[in-house]
Amino acid sequence: MAIPTRPLRVLRAIEKFIAPLSPPVFAFESSIGSTPFRILISVLLSARTQDPVTGKAAARLFAAASTPEAMARLPLARVSRLIYPVGFYRTKARHILAICAILQRSGKFPASLDEMLALPGIGRKSANLVLALAFGVPAIAVDTHVFRISRRLGWAVGTTPAEVQRELERIFPRNSWTQVNPVLVGFGQTVCRPLHPKCGACVLKRSCPSFEAN
């Protein structure tokens, strides 16, 4: 079956439209560094947290300890203080120290979906995002923005992130999978918001199936 090209054209139109709006996700992804460890910890911190808050918390944490070995030596209370006020900061502090201990013992960095999912605090969305950002692995990370917008655009009807991920993988060429998350997250942060979306100003207002409803 041929891969539909229209969703990819729409994604490109969205990307061009939101670029001048400087979505926080673009700044976040450019600020978290290029090493797999920094990307992993930054992505863990980003769950249920706004990108600017995540960026500052990650900067404080990595200023205190830049390697798994150094970070593992930090007391739990200090890690908690450094990453506050990210969402669930106490739980994330425990997960960070547990991950550092695992990385120390294994001597290698996880580079597959199954290995990522075995880490404390790392779910499917986070695992896919780390694989995409750290290793360039084709992966679609479905967070709340991607889930909501994919359904609004009629690209997916699934009721779980895993179902939506599979639907998106079917309609986008594999070499574009890593672009789906940042573009749709940026779109959700600036225009296609959860509440009061800016439909009247949207580049897709003439073709979006949810335009009339909103």
Protein backbone atom coordinates (compact mmCIF):
# COMPACT_ATOMS: atom_id res chain seq x y z
CA MET A 1 0.00 0.00 0.00
CA ALA A 2 1.37 3.43 -0.90
CA ILE A 3 2.09 5.80 1.97
CA PRO A 4 -0.25 8.84 1.88
CA THR A 5 1.65 12.03 1.20
CA ARG A 6 -0.91 14.55 2.46
CA PRO A 7 -0.13 14.14 6.20
CA LEU A 8 3.53 14.83 5.47
CA ARG A 9 2.63 17.95 3.49
CA VAL A 10 0.44 19.11 6.37
CA LEU A 11 3.24 18.48 8.86
CA ARG A 12 5.61 20.57 6.72
CA ALA A 13 3.02 23.37 6.55
CA ILE A 14 2.62 23.32 10.33
CA GLU A 15 6.38 23.40 10.85
CA LYS A 16 6.77 26.42 8.60
CA PHE A 17 3.78 28.18 10.20
CA ILE A 18 4.96 27.81 13.81
CA ALA A 19 8.66 28.55 13.25
CA PRO A 20 8.23 32.35 13.77
CA LEU A 21 6.22 31.63 16.95
CA SER A 22 9.28 30.08 18.65
CA PRO A 23 7.56 27.16 20.40
CA PRO A 24 9.22 26.27 23.73
CA VAL A 25 9.85 22.71 22.52
CA PHE A 26 12.31 23.95 19.89
CA ALA A 27 14.39 25.78 22.51
CA PHE A 28 14.18 22.80 24.85
CA GLU A 29 15.45 20.30 22.31
CA SER A 30 18.32 22.57 21.33
CA SER A 31 19.31 23.15 24.97
CA ILE A 32 19.44 19.61 26.35
CA GLY A 33 22.78 18.77 24.81
CA SER A 34 24.01 16.08 22.52
CA THR A 35 25.03 13.25 24.85
CA PRO A 36 22.56 10.39 25.39
CA PHE A 37 22.83 10.77 29.18
CA ARG A 38 21.91 14.47 29.18
CA ILE A 39 19.07 13.82 26.76
CA LEU A 40 17.72 10.93 28.84
CA ILE A 41 17.70 12.86 32.11
CA SER A 42 16.26 15.98 30.47
CA VAL A 43 13.44 13.98 28.87
CA LEU A 44 12.68 12.32 32.21
CA LEU A 45 12.45 15.75 33.84
CA SER A 46 10.18 17.07 31.08
CA ALA A 47 7.21 14.83 31.88
CA ARG A 48 4.27 16.89 33.18
CA THR A 49 6.47 19.98 33.16
CA GLN A 50 6.67 23.03 30.93
CA ASP A 51 9.77 23.12 28.75
CA PRO A 52 11.28 26.35 30.19
CA VAL A 53 11.04 24.90 33.72
CA THR A 54 12.61 21.64 32.54
CA GLY A 55 15.49 23.45 30.85
CA LYS A 56 16.42 25.41 33.98
CA ALA A 57 16.14 22.34 36.22
CA ALA A 58 18.32 20.27 33.89
CA ALA A 59 20.91 23.05 33.77
CA ARG A 60 21.11 23.16 37.59
CA LEU A 61 21.39 19.39 37.86
CA PHE A 62 24.11 19.03 35.24
CA ALA A 63 26.07 21.93 36.70
CA ALA A 64 26.24 19.89 39.91
CA ALA A 65 27.00 16.56 38.22
CA SER A 66 27.55 15.89 34.53
CA THR A 67 28.08 12.12 34.48
CA PRO A 68 26.13 9.12 35.83
CA GLU A 69 28.98 8.41 38.26
CA ALA A 70 29.00 11.94 39.67
CA MET A 71 25.23 12.20 39.77
CA ALA A 72 24.90 8.88 41.60
CA ARG A 73 26.95 10.34 44.45
CA LEU A 74 24.53 13.22 45.03
CA PRO A 75 22.19 12.83 48.01
CA LEU A 76 18.53 12.33 47.15
CA ALA A 77 17.56 15.53 48.95
CA ARG A 78 20.00 17.56 46.88
CA VAL A 79 18.80 16.11 43.58
CA SER A 80 15.24 16.95 44.65
CA ARG A 81 16.22 20.54 45.41
CA LEU A 82 18.12 20.94 42.16
CA ILE A 83 15.25 19.81 39.95
CA TYR A 84 12.44 21.55 41.85
CA PRO A 85 9.84 22.68 40.69
CA VAL A 86 9.48 20.10 37.90
CA GLY A 87 6.37 17.96 38.26
CA PHE A 88 6.71 15.02 40.67
CA TYR A 89 10.24 16.16 41.48
CA ARG A 90 10.69 13.83 44.46
CA THR A 91 9.75 10.76 42.41
CA LYS A 92 11.93 11.93 39.51
CA ALA A 93 14.88 12.43 41.85
CA ARG A 94 14.60 8.80 42.96
CA HIS A 95 14.34 7.66 39.34
CA ILE A 96 17.38 9.71 38.33
CA LEU A 97 19.56 8.15 41.02
CA ALA A 98 18.28 4.67 40.18
CA ILE A 99 19.06 5.21 36.49
CA CYS A 100 22.57 6.42 37.33
CA ALA A 101 23.15 3.30 39.40
CA ILE A 102 21.95 1.10 36.52
CA LEU A 103 24.21 2.87 34.05
CA GLN A 104 27.17 2.45 36.39
CA ARG A 105 26.57 -1.27 36.80
CA SER A 106 25.91 -2.01 33.13
CA GLY A 107 28.77 0.04 31.73
CA LYS A 108 26.78 0.79 28.59
CA PHE A 109 23.97 3.10 27.61
CA PRO A 110 20.60 1.58 26.60
CA ALA A 111 19.99 2.03 22.88
CA SER A 112 16.82 0.03 22.18
CA LEU A 113 13.17 0.53 23.07
CA ASP A 114 13.09 -2.46 25.41
CA GLU A 115 16.23 -1.31 27.21
CA MET A 116 14.83 2.20 27.61
CA LEU A 117 11.51 0.90 28.94
CA ALA A 118 13.37 -1.09 31.59
CA LEU A 119 14.69 2.14 33.16
CA PRO A 120 12.79 3.62 36.14
CA GLY A 121 10.45 6.44 35.18
CA ILE A 122 10.82 5.95 31.43
CA GLY A 123 7.61 5.15 29.55
CA ARG A 124 7.00 4.62 25.87
CA LYS A 125 6.77 8.29 24.98
CA SER A 126 9.98 9.18 26.79
CA ALA A 127 11.80 6.14 25.42
CA ASN A 128 10.88 6.98 21.84
CA LEU A 129 11.89 10.60 22.34
CA VAL A 130 15.30 9.64 23.72
CA LEU A 131 15.89 7.18 20.88
CA ALA A 132 15.01 9.87 18.34
CA LEU A 133 17.02 12.70 19.91
CA ALA A 134 20.04 10.74 21.12
CA PHE A 135 20.46 8.16 18.39
CA GLY A 136 18.42 9.37 15.41
CA VAL A 137 16.30 6.22 15.59
CA PRO A 138 13.05 6.64 13.64
CA ALA A 139 10.45 6.89 16.40
CA ILE A 140 7.21 8.78 17.08
CA ALA A 141 6.84 9.93 20.68
CA VAL A 142 3.15 10.41 21.46
CA ASP A 143 2.58 12.87 24.28
CA THR A 144 -0.62 14.75 25.07
CA HIS A 145 -0.08 17.26 22.25
CA VAL A 146 0.61 14.63 19.61
CA PHE A 147 -2.32 12.53 20.83
CA ARG A 148 -4.78 15.44 20.79
CA ILE A 149 -3.72 16.99 17.49
CA SER A 150 -3.52 13.69 15.62
CA ARG A 151 -7.12 13.01 16.56
CA ARG A 152 -8.25 16.56 15.77
CA LEU A 153 -6.72 16.30 12.29
CA GLY A 154 -8.29 12.92 11.67
CA TRP A 155 -4.92 11.19 11.44
CA ALA A 156 -5.76 8.83 14.28
CA VAL A 157 -8.78 7.49 16.13
CA GLY A 158 -6.96 5.41 18.74
CA THR A 159 -7.83 5.85 22.39
CA THR A 160 -4.35 5.19 23.76
CA PRO A 161 -0.93 6.67 22.93
CA ALA A 162 0.28 3.28 21.68
CA GLU A 163 -2.65 3.01 19.27
CA VAL A 164 -2.11 6.56 17.99
CA GLN A 165 1.62 5.85 17.56
CA ARG A 166 0.86 2.84 15.35
CA GLU A 167 -1.62 4.85 13.27
CA LEU A 168 0.89 7.65 12.75
CA GLU A 169 3.59 5.17 11.79
CA ARG A 170 1.31 3.90 9.04
CA ILE A 171 0.64 7.31 7.47
CA PHE A 172 4.09 8.91 7.75
CA PRO A 173 7.22 7.71 5.95
CA ARG A 174 9.72 6.25 8.37
CA ASN A 175 12.35 8.90 7.67
CA SER A 176 9.98 11.60 8.98
CA TRP A 177 8.97 9.92 12.25
CA THR A 178 11.42 11.89 14.39
CA GLN A 179 9.90 15.17 13.17
CA VAL A 180 6.32 14.38 14.15
CA ASN A 181 6.73 14.98 17.88
CA PRO A 182 8.52 18.36 17.91
CA VAL A 183 6.30 19.81 15.19
CA LEU A 184 3.02 18.73 16.76
CA VAL A 185 4.19 19.64 20.26
CA GLY A 186 5.19 23.08 19.04
CA PHE A 187 1.84 23.40 17.27
CA GLY A 188 0.05 22.41 20.47
CA GLN A 189 2.03 24.87 22.58
CA THR A 190 1.33 27.84 20.34
CA VAL A 191 -1.83 27.33 18.25
CA CYS A 192 -3.68 24.03 18.59
CA ARG A 193 -3.94 24.32 22.36
CA PRO A 194 -5.97 21.95 24.56
CA LEU A 195 -8.40 24.73 25.49
CA HIS A 196 -9.31 27.69 23.31
CA PRO A 197 -7.26 26.70 20.25
CA LYS A 198 -6.48 29.58 17.90
CA CYS A 199 -8.44 28.11 15.02
CA GLY A 200 -9.15 31.43 13.36
CA ALA A 201 -5.45 32.15 12.95
CA CYS A 202 -4.44 28.60 12.04
CA VAL A 203 -2.83 27.72 8.73
CA LEU A 204 -5.06 24.62 8.59
CA LYS A 205 -8.39 26.31 9.22
CA ARG A 206 -9.71 25.54 5.72
CA SER A 207 -8.87 21.85 5.88
CA CYS A 208 -8.97 20.85 9.56
CA PRO A 209 -11.95 18.57 10.29
CA SER A 210 -12.17 20.01 13.82
CA PHE A 211 -12.31 23.69 12.75
CA GLU A 212 -16.09 24.02 12.93
CA ALA A 213 -16.30 22.24 16.27
CA ASN A 214 -13.84 24.66 17.84
